[in-house]
PDB file of N, CA and C in Angstrom:
ATOM      1  N   MET A   1     -39.520  14.799  11.022  1.00  0.00           N
ATOM      2  CA  MET A   1     -39.139  14.935  12.482  1.00  0.00           C
ATOM      3  C   MET A   1     -40.480  14.006  12.947  1.00  0.00           C
ATOM      4  N   ALA A   2     -40.209  13.197  13.742  1.00  0.00           N
ATOM      5  CA  ALA A   2     -40.803  12.502  14.739  1.00  0.00           C
ATOM      6  C   ALA A   2     -41.308  13.370  15.552  1.00  0.00           C
ATOM      7  N   LYS A   3     -42.537  12.932  15.838  1.00  0.00           N
ATOM      8  CA  LYS A   3     -43.759  13.467  17.035  1.00  0.00           C
ATOM      9  C   LYS A   3     -42.586  13.673  18.459  1.00  0.00           C
ATOM     10  N   LYS A   4     -42.793  14.477  19.107  1.00  0.00           N
ATOM     11  CA  LYS A   4     -41.832  14.998  19.986  1.00  0.00           C
ATOM     12  C   LYS A   4     -42.584  13.881  21.356  1.00  0.00           C
ATOM     13  N   SER A   5     -43.989  13.347  21.365  1.00  0.00           N
ATOM     14  CA  SER A   5     -44.299  12.484  22.191  1.00  0.00           C
ATOM     15  C   SER A   5     -43.658  11.129  22.067  1.00  0.00           C
ATOM     16  N   TRP A   6     -42.931  10.613  21.038  1.00  0.00           N
ATOM     17  CA  TRP A   6     -42.619   9.675  20.797  1.00  0.00           C
ATOM     18  C   TRP A   6     -41.244   9.570  21.079  1.00  0.00           C
ATOM     19  N   LEU A   7     -40.500  10.897  20.880  1.00  0.00           N
ATOM     20  CA  LEU A   7     -39.264  11.041  21.704  1.00  0.00           C
ATOM     21  C   LEU A   7     -38.919  11.329  22.616  1.00  0.00           C
ATOM     22  N   ALA A   8     -40.195  11.725  23.424  1.00  0.00           N
ATOM     23  CA  ALA A   8     -39.933  11.641  25.096  1.00  0.00           C
ATOM     24  C   ALA A   8     -40.382  10.027  25.238  1.00  0.00           C
ATOM     25  N   ARG A   9     -40.969   9.384  24.685  1.00  0.00           N
ATOM     26  CA  ARG A   9     -41.571   8.151  25.408  1.00  0.00           C
ATOM     27  C   ARG A   9     -40.235   7.152  25.215  1.00  0.00           C
ATOM     28  N   GLN A  10     -39.479   7.430  24.263  1.00  0.00           N
ATOM     29  CA  GLN A  10     -38.330   6.685  23.594  1.00  0.00           C
ATOM     30  C   GLN A  10     -37.129   6.994  25.135  1.00  0.00           C
ATOM     31  N   THR A  11     -37.241   8.188  25.254  1.00  0.00           N
ATOM     32  CA  THR A  11     -36.022   8.627  26.080  1.00  0.00           C
ATOM     33  C   THR A  11     -36.148   8.188  27.327  1.00  0.00           C
ATOM     34  N   LYS A  12     -37.572   8.084  27.669  1.00  0.00           N
ATOM     35  CA  LYS A  12     -37.978   7.251  28.975  1.00  0.00           C
ATOM     36  C   LYS A  12     -38.138   6.122  29.454  1.00  0.00           C
ATOM     37  N   ARG A  13     -38.353   5.310  27.826  1.00  0.00           N
ATOM     38  CA  ARG A  13     -37.967   3.733  28.121  1.00  0.00           C
ATOM     39  C   ARG A  13     -36.529   3.395  28.272  1.00  0.00           C
ATOM     40  N   GLU A  14     -35.372   4.384  27.625  1.00  0.00           N
ATOM     41  CA  GLU A  14     -33.957   4.359  27.614  1.00  0.00           C
ATOM     42  C   GLU A  14     -33.643   4.546  28.971  1.00  0.00           C
ATOM     43  N   ARG A  15     -34.047   5.384  29.674  1.00  0.00           N
ATOM     44  CA  ARG A  15     -33.697   5.477  31.055  1.00  0.00           C
ATOM     45  C   ARG A  15     -34.145   4.396  32.237  1.00  0.00           C
ATOM     46  N   LEU A  16     -35.437   3.692  31.742  1.00  0.00           N
ATOM     47  CA  LEU A  16     -35.999   2.507  32.691  1.00  0.00           C
ATOM     48  C   LEU A  16     -34.987   1.393  32.492  1.00  0.00           C
ATOM     49  N   VAL A  17     -34.500   1.337  31.237  1.00  0.00           N
ATOM     50  CA  VAL A  17     -33.735   0.191  31.080  1.00  0.00           C
ATOM     51  C   VAL A  17     -32.336   0.142  31.606  1.00  0.00           C
ATOM     52  N   THR A  18     -31.744   1.293  31.643  1.00  0.00           N
ATOM     53  CA  THR A  18     -30.525   1.334  32.226  1.00  0.00           C
ATOM     54  C   THR A  18     -30.807   1.510  33.509  1.00  0.00           C
ATOM     55  N   LYS A  19     -31.805   2.007  34.315  1.00  0.00           N
ATOM     56  CA  LYS A  19     -32.369   2.064  35.819  1.00  0.00           C
ATOM     57  C   LYS A  19     -32.318   0.363  36.357  1.00  0.00           C
ATOM     58  N   TYR A  20     -33.110  -0.693  35.327  1.00  0.00           N
ATOM     59  CA  TYR A  20     -33.502  -1.550  35.863  1.00  0.00           C
ATOM     60  C   TYR A  20     -32.360  -2.975  35.379  1.00  0.00           C
ATOM     61  N   ALA A  21     -31.695  -2.436  34.624  1.00  0.00           N
ATOM     62  CA  ALA A  21     -30.717  -3.467  34.012  1.00  0.00           C
ATOM     63  C   ALA A  21     -29.912  -4.625  34.779  1.00  0.00           C
ATOM     64  N   GLN A  22     -29.320  -3.961  35.915  1.00  0.00           N
ATOM     65  CA  GLN A  22     -28.835  -4.866  36.816  1.00  0.00           C
ATOM     66  C   GLN A  22     -29.892  -5.740  37.629  1.00  0.00           C
ATOM     67  N   LYS A  23     -30.857  -4.966  37.713  1.00  0.00           N
ATOM     68  CA  LYS A  23     -32.099  -5.929  39.000  1.00  0.00           C
ATOM     69  C   LYS A  23     -32.829  -6.952  38.043  1.00  0.00           C
ATOM     70  N   ARG A  24     -32.866  -6.756  36.707  1.00  0.00           N
ATOM     71  CA  ARG A  24     -33.335  -7.369  35.445  1.00  0.00           C
ATOM     72  C   ARG A  24     -32.185  -8.907  35.491  1.00  0.00           C
ATOM     73  N   ALA A  25     -31.101  -8.595  35.298  1.00  0.00           N
ATOM     74  CA  ALA A  25     -30.234  -9.561  34.985  1.00  0.00           C
ATOM     75  C   ALA A  25     -30.257 -10.219  36.245  1.00  0.00           C
ATOM     76  N   GLU A  26     -30.240  -9.933  37.434  1.00  0.00           N
ATOM     77  CA  GLU A  26     -30.154 -10.633  38.706  1.00  0.00           C
ATOM     78  C   GLU A  26     -31.143 -11.520  38.816  1.00  0.00           C
ATOM     79  N   LEU A  27     -32.635 -11.011  38.904  1.00  0.00           N
ATOM     80  CA  LEU A  27     -33.845 -11.651  39.020  1.00  0.00           C
ATOM     81  C   LEU A  27     -33.844 -12.797  37.610  1.00  0.00           C
ATOM     82  N   LYS A  28     -33.491 -12.529  36.540  1.00  0.00           N
ATOM     83  CA  LYS A  28     -33.247 -13.449  35.605  1.00  0.00           C
ATOM     84  C   LYS A  28     -32.285 -14.792  35.861  1.00  0.00           C
ATOM     85  N   ALA A  29     -31.433 -14.406  36.635  1.00  0.00           N
ATOM     86  CA  ALA A  29     -30.088 -15.072  37.042  1.00  0.00           C
ATOM     87  C   ALA A  29     -30.641 -16.437  38.306  1.00  0.00           C
ATOM     88  N   SER A  30     -31.537 -15.750  38.895  1.00  0.00           N
ATOM     89  CA  SER A  30     -32.105 -16.492  40.227  1.00  0.00           C
ATOM     90  C   SER A  30     -33.510 -17.325  39.620  1.00  0.00           C
ATOM     91  N   GLY A  31     -33.924 -16.492  38.509  1.00  0.00           N
ATOM     92  CA  GLY A  31     -35.342 -17.392  38.136  1.00  0.00           C
ATOM     93  C   GLY A  31     -36.386 -17.268  38.873  1.00  0.00           C
ATOM     94  N   ASP A  32     -36.132 -15.938  39.550  1.00  0.00           N
ATOM     95  CA  ASP A  32     -37.291 -15.128  40.011  1.00  0.00           C
ATOM     96  C   ASP A  32     -38.482 -14.245  39.356  1.00  0.00           C
ATOM     97  N   TYR A  33     -38.999 -15.184  38.497  1.00  0.00           N
ATOM     98  CA  TYR A  33     -40.268 -14.507  37.392  1.00  0.00           C
ATOM     99  C   TYR A  33     -41.236 -13.700  37.890  1.00  0.00           C
ATOM    100  N   GLU A  34     -41.777 -13.964  39.439  1.00  0.00           N
ATOM    101  CA  GLU A  34     -42.500 -13.098  40.247  1.00  0.00           C
ATOM    102  C   GLU A  34     -41.637 -11.268  40.451  1.00  0.00           C
ATOM    103  N   GLY A  35     -40.475 -11.412  40.782  1.00  0.00           N
ATOM    104  CA  GLY A  35     -40.047 -10.469  40.674  1.00  0.00           C
ATOM    105  C   GLY A  35     -39.505  -9.743  39.424  1.00  0.00           C
ATOM    106  N   LEU A  36     -39.735 -10.365  38.149  1.00  0.00           N
ATOM    107  CA  LEU A  36     -39.375  -9.694  37.291  1.00  0.00           C
ATOM    108  C   LEU A  36     -41.010  -8.860  36.665  1.00  0.00           C
ATOM    109  N   GLN A  37     -42.011  -9.670  37.116  1.00  0.00           N
ATOM    110  CA  GLN A  37     -43.336  -9.072  36.753  1.00  0.00           C
ATOM    111  C   GLN A  37     -43.305  -7.809  37.584  1.00  0.00           C
ATOM    112  N   ALA A  38     -42.862  -7.658  38.547  1.00  0.00           N
ATOM    113  CA  ALA A  38     -43.254  -6.379  39.618  1.00  0.00           C
ATOM    114  C   ALA A  38     -42.233  -5.069  38.773  1.00  0.00           C
ATOM    115  N   ILE A  39     -41.477  -5.450  37.845  1.00  0.00           N
ATOM    116  CA  ILE A  39     -40.462  -4.303  37.257  1.00  0.00           C
ATOM    117  C   ILE A  39     -41.776  -3.924  36.056  1.00  0.00           C
ATOM    118  N   PRO A  40     -41.228  -2.268  36.023  1.00  0.00           N
ATOM    119  CA  PRO A  40     -42.280  -1.955  34.719  1.00  0.00           C
ATOM    120  C   PRO A  40     -41.945  -2.526  33.159  1.00  0.00           C
ATOM    121  N   LYS A  41     -42.782  -2.465  32.531  1.00  0.00           N
ATOM    122  CA  LYS A  41     -42.774  -3.273  31.601  1.00  0.00           C
ATOM    123  C   LYS A  41     -41.751  -2.322  30.516  1.00  0.00           C
ATOM    124  N   ASN A  42     -41.659  -0.929  30.577  1.00  0.00           N
ATOM    125  CA  ASN A  42     -40.866  -0.428  29.636  1.00  0.00           C
ATOM    126  C   ASN A  42     -39.333  -0.302  30.333  1.00  0.00           C
ATOM    127  N   ALA A  43     -39.101  -1.297  30.899  1.00  0.00           N
ATOM    128  CA  ALA A  43     -37.814  -1.605  31.247  1.00  0.00           C
ATOM    129  C   ALA A  43     -36.761  -2.773  31.034  1.00  0.00           C
ATOM    130  N   SER A  44     -37.726  -2.986  29.955  1.00  0.00           N
ATOM    131  CA  SER A  44     -37.566  -4.447  28.908  1.00  0.00           C
ATOM    132  C   SER A  44     -36.363  -3.698  27.463  1.00  0.00           C
ATOM    133  N   PRO A  45     -35.491  -3.908  27.862  1.00  0.00           N
ATOM    134  CA  PRO A  45     -34.486  -3.737  26.270  1.00  0.00           C
ATOM    135  C   PRO A  45     -35.131  -3.881  24.958  1.00  0.00           C
ATOM    136  N   VAL A  46     -36.384  -4.738  24.869  1.00  0.00           N
ATOM    137  CA  VAL A  46     -36.773  -5.309  23.907  1.00  0.00           C
ATOM    138  C   VAL A  46     -37.865  -3.915  23.467  1.00  0.00           C
ATOM    139  N   ARG A  47     -38.223  -3.398  24.034  1.00  0.00           N
ATOM    140  CA  ARG A  47     -39.080  -2.704  23.925  1.00  0.00           C
ATOM    141  C   ARG A  47     -38.522  -1.239  23.324  1.00  0.00           C
ATOM    142  N   LEU A  48     -37.238  -1.254  23.238  1.00  0.00           N
ATOM    143  CA  LEU A  48     -36.688   0.083  22.711  1.00  0.00           C
ATOM    144  C   LEU A  48     -36.612  -0.087  21.187  1.00  0.00           C
ATOM    145  N   LYS A  49     -36.881   1.283  20.441  1.00  0.00           N
ATOM    146  CA  LYS A  49     -36.791   1.197  18.970  1.00  0.00           C
ATOM    147  C   LYS A  49     -35.782   2.097  18.687  1.00  0.00           C
ATOM    148  N   ASN A  50     -34.973   1.223  17.294  1.00  0.00           N
ATOM    149  CA  ASN A  50     -34.092   1.956  16.927  1.00  0.00           C
ATOM    150  C   ASN A  50     -34.475   3.308  16.054  1.00  0.00           C
ATOM    151  N   ARG A  51     -33.958   4.591  16.629  1.00  0.00           N
ATOM    152  CA  ARG A  51     -34.230   5.983  15.880  1.00  0.00           C
ATOM    153  C   ARG A  51     -33.604   6.614  15.696  1.00  0.00           C
ATOM    154  N   CYS A  52     -33.573   7.272  14.653  1.00  0.00           N
ATOM    155  CA  CYS A  52     -32.382   8.426  13.823  1.00  0.00           C
ATOM    156  C   CYS A  52     -32.330   9.306  15.009  1.00  0.00           C
ATOM    157  N   GLY A  53     -30.680   9.619  15.239  1.00  0.00           N
ATOM    158  CA  GLY A  53     -30.295  10.538  15.718  1.00  0.00           C
ATOM    159  C   GLY A  53     -30.792  11.748  15.671  1.00  0.00           C
ATOM    160  N   ILE A  54     -30.818  12.492  14.425  1.00  0.00           N
ATOM    161  CA  ILE A  54     -31.352  13.628  13.994  1.00  0.00           C
ATOM    162  C   ILE A  54     -32.693  14.406  14.013  1.00  0.00           C
ATOM    163  N   THR A  55     -33.400  13.030  13.092  1.00  0.00           N
ATOM    164  CA  THR A  55     -35.030  13.261  12.961  1.00  0.00           C
ATOM    165  C   THR A  55     -36.009  12.684  13.939  1.00  0.00           C
ATOM    166  N   GLY A  56     -35.251  11.197  13.936  1.00  0.00           N
ATOM    167  CA  GLY A  56     -35.768  10.692  15.669  1.00  0.00           C
ATOM    168  C   GLY A  56     -36.947   9.285  14.424  1.00  0.00           C
ATOM    169  N   ARG A  57     -36.718   9.477  13.208  1.00  0.00           N
ATOM    170  CA  ARG A  57     -37.378   8.476  12.172  1.00  0.00           C
ATOM    171  C   ARG A  57     -37.041   6.768  12.564  1.00  0.00           C
ATOM    172  N   SER A  58     -38.198   6.382  12.694  1.00  0.00           N
ATOM    173  CA  SER A  58     -37.999   4.726  13.404  1.00  0.00           C
ATOM    174  C   SER A  58     -37.986   3.600  11.844  1.00  0.00           C
ATOM    175  N   LYS A  59     -38.399   4.286  10.850  1.00  0.00           N
ATOM    176  CA  LYS A  59     -38.130   3.120   9.775  1.00  0.00           C
ATOM    177  C   LYS A  59     -36.921   3.533   8.700  1.00  0.00           C
ATOM    178  N   GLY A  60     -36.279   2.983   8.300  1.00  0.00           N
ATOM    179  CA  GLY A  60     -35.054   3.316   7.485  1.00  0.00           C
ATOM    180  C   GLY A  60     -33.681   3.810   8.167  1.00  0.00           C
ATOM    181  N   PHE A  61     -33.979   3.096   9.194  1.00  0.00           N
ATOM    182  CA  PHE A  61     -32.709   3.283  10.219  1.00  0.00           C
ATOM    183  C   PHE A  61     -31.615   2.325  10.026  1.00  0.00           C
ATOM    184  N   MET A  62     -30.275   3.159   9.798  1.00  0.00           N
ATOM    185  CA  MET A  62     -29.264   2.410   9.417  1.00  0.00           C
ATOM    186  C   MET A  62     -28.313   2.105  10.444  1.00  0.00           C
ATOM    187  N   ARG A  63     -28.071   1.041  11.097  1.00  0.00           N
ATOM    188  CA  ARG A  63     -27.465   0.562  12.450  1.00  0.00           C
ATOM    189  C   ARG A  63     -26.248   1.118  12.848  1.00  0.00           C
ATOM    190  N   ASP A  64     -25.475   0.982  10.988  1.00  0.00           N
ATOM    191  CA  ASP A  64     -23.981   1.338  11.211  1.00  0.00           C
ATOM    192  C   ASP A  64     -24.080   3.243  11.650  1.00  0.00           C
ATOM    193  N   PHE A  65     -24.486   3.562  11.347  1.00  0.00           N
ATOM    194  CA  PHE A  65     -24.454   5.220  11.333  1.00  0.00           C
ATOM    195  C   PHE A  65     -25.475   5.893  12.528  1.00  0.00           C
ATOM    196  N   GLY A  66     -26.216   5.102  12.693  1.00  0.00           N
ATOM    197  CA  GLY A  66     -27.481   5.528  13.823  1.00  0.00           C
ATOM    198  C   GLY A  66     -27.996   7.028  12.996  1.00  0.00           C
ATOM    199  N   LEU A  67     -28.395   6.485  11.691  1.00  0.00           N
ATOM    200  CA  LEU A  67     -29.282   7.540  10.922  1.00  0.00           C
ATOM    201  C   LEU A  67     -30.182   7.258  10.277  1.00  0.00           C
ATOM    202  N   SER A  68     -31.399   7.403   9.545  1.00  0.00           N
ATOM    203  CA  SER A  68     -32.282   6.642   8.711  1.00  0.00           C
ATOM    204  C   SER A  68     -31.654   7.513   7.366  1.00  0.00           C
ATOM    205  N   ARG A  69     -32.148   6.563   6.557  1.00  0.00           N
ATOM    206  CA  ARG A  69     -31.966   6.646   5.319  1.00  0.00           C
ATOM    207  C   ARG A  69     -32.127   7.803   4.163  1.00  0.00           C
ATOM    208  N   HIS A  70     -32.614   8.480   5.057  1.00  0.00           N
ATOM    209  CA  HIS A  70     -33.000  10.323   4.382  1.00  0.00           C
ATOM    210  C   HIS A  70     -31.934  10.756   4.641  1.00  0.00           C
ATOM    211  N   LYS A  71     -31.649  10.780   5.798  1.00  0.00           N
ATOM    212  CA  LYS A  71     -30.414  11.643   6.398  1.00  0.00           C
ATOM    213  C   LYS A  71     -29.170  11.385   6.143  1.00  0.00           C
ATOM    214  N   PHE A  72     -28.840  10.250   6.257  1.00  0.00           N
ATOM    215  CA  PHE A  72     -27.796   9.498   5.580  1.00  0.00           C
ATOM    216  C   PHE A  72     -27.495   9.761   4.289  1.00  0.00           C
ATOM    217  N   ARG A  73     -28.147   9.771   3.464  1.00  0.00           N
ATOM    218  CA  ARG A  73     -28.127  10.084   1.877  1.00  0.00           C
ATOM    219  C   ARG A  73     -27.364  11.603   1.809  1.00  0.00           C
ATOM    220  N   GLU A  74     -28.393  12.055   2.775  1.00  0.00           N
ATOM    221  CA  GLU A  74     -28.137  13.762   2.305  1.00  0.00           C
ATOM    222  C   GLU A  74     -26.628  14.009   2.898  1.00  0.00           C
ATOM    223  N   LEU A  75     -26.387  13.221   4.436  1.00  0.00           N
ATOM    224  CA  LEU A  75     -25.137  13.748   5.003  1.00  0.00           C
ATOM    225  C   LEU A  75     -24.006  13.085   3.719  1.00  0.00           C
ATOM    226  N   ALA A  76     -24.491  12.755   3.355  1.00  0.00           N
ATOM    227  CA  ALA A  76     -23.240  11.527   2.829  1.00  0.00           C
ATOM    228  C   ALA A  76     -22.791  12.281   1.313  1.00  0.00           C
ATOM    229  N   LEU A  77     -23.811  12.845   0.645  1.00  0.00           N
ATOM    230  CA  LEU A  77     -23.660  13.742  -0.771  1.00  0.00           C
ATOM    231  C   LEU A  77     -22.975  14.770  -0.230  1.00  0.00           C
ATOM    232  N   GLN A  78     -23.216  14.979   0.902  1.00  0.00           N
ATOM    233  CA  GLN A  78     -22.703  16.725   1.390  1.00  0.00           C
ATOM    234  C   GLN A  78     -21.164  16.566   1.720  1.00  0.00           C
ATOM    235  N   GLY A  79     -20.649  15.154   1.590  1.00  0.00           N
ATOM    236  CA  GLY A  79     -19.354  14.800   2.465  1.00  0.00           C
ATOM    237  C   GLY A  79     -19.093  14.884   3.860  1.00  0.00           C
ATOM    238  N   LYS A  80     -19.992  14.691   4.554  1.00  0.00           N
ATOM    239  CA  LYS A  80     -19.959  14.956   5.839  1.00  0.00           C
ATOM    240  C   LYS A  80     -19.826  13.884   6.699  1.00  0.00           C
ATOM    241  N   LEU A  81     -20.254  12.529   6.360  1.00  0.00           N
ATOM    242  CA  LEU A  81     -19.738  11.203   6.659  1.00  0.00           C
ATOM    243  C   LEU A  81     -18.550  10.728   5.935  1.00  0.00           C
ATOM    244  N   PRO A  82     -17.487  10.462   7.180  1.00  0.00           N
ATOM    245  CA  PRO A  82     -15.977   9.951   6.383  1.00  0.00           C
ATOM    246  C   PRO A  82     -15.935   9.005   6.301  1.00  0.00           C
ATOM    247  N   GLY A  83     -15.660   8.746   5.299  1.00  0.00           N
ATOM    248  CA  GLY A  83     -15.326   7.231   4.694  1.00  0.00           C
ATOM    249  C   GLY A  83     -16.340   6.819   3.827  1.00  0.00           C
ATOM    250  N   VAL A  84     -17.381   7.676   3.425  1.00  0.00           N
ATOM    251  CA  VAL A  84     -18.401   7.170   2.490  1.00  0.00           C
ATOM    252  C   VAL A  84     -18.549   8.035   1.224  1.00  0.00           C
ATOM    253  N   ARG A  85     -18.320   7.237   0.328  1.00  0.00           N
ATOM    254  CA  ARG A  85     -18.644   7.961  -0.924  1.00  0.00           C
ATOM    255  C   ARG A  85     -19.326   7.234  -1.905  1.00  0.00           C
ATOM    256  N   LYS A  86     -20.201   7.865  -2.838  1.00  0.00           N
ATOM    257  CA  LYS A  86     -21.105   7.598  -3.531  1.00  0.00           C
ATOM    258  C   LYS A  86     -20.421   6.684  -4.796  1.00  0.00           C
ATOM    259  N   SER A  87     -20.926   5.613  -5.111  1.00  0.00           N
ATOM    260  CA  SER A  87     -20.252   5.008  -5.924  1.00  0.00           C
ATOM    261  C   SER A  87     -20.866   4.739  -7.202  1.00  0.00           C
ATOM    262  N   SER A  88     -19.667   4.371  -8.151  1.00  0.00           N
ATOM    263  CA  SER A  88     -19.896   4.657  -9.791  1.00  0.00           C
ATOM    264  C   SER A  88     -19.167   3.506 -10.151  1.00  0.00           C
ATOM    265  N   TRP A  89     -19.787   2.743 -11.328  1.00  0.00           N
ATOM    266  CA  TRP A  89     -19.010   1.653 -12.035  1.00  0.00           C
ATOM    267  C   TRP A  89     -19.742   1.737 -13.351  1.00  0.00           C
TER     268      TRP A  89
END
């Protein structure tokens, strides 16, 4: 489980990105780079980090499922992920 402060920081960044998305797009289209400097740094979508939806782990993230590799394996072996099966050959 990730630290609560990391998760809180991530949710704050997500809120800022959605709040300033339209304003950023307008400023970038008009080429007003001084206006872009006035927007908070954390409003940039580049600063978002992919995190596991259950544990908040940032490393080993599987984009297709939104889970870390640990939780993916655990849920796949329990049969809780539809369409996922342990391979054998």
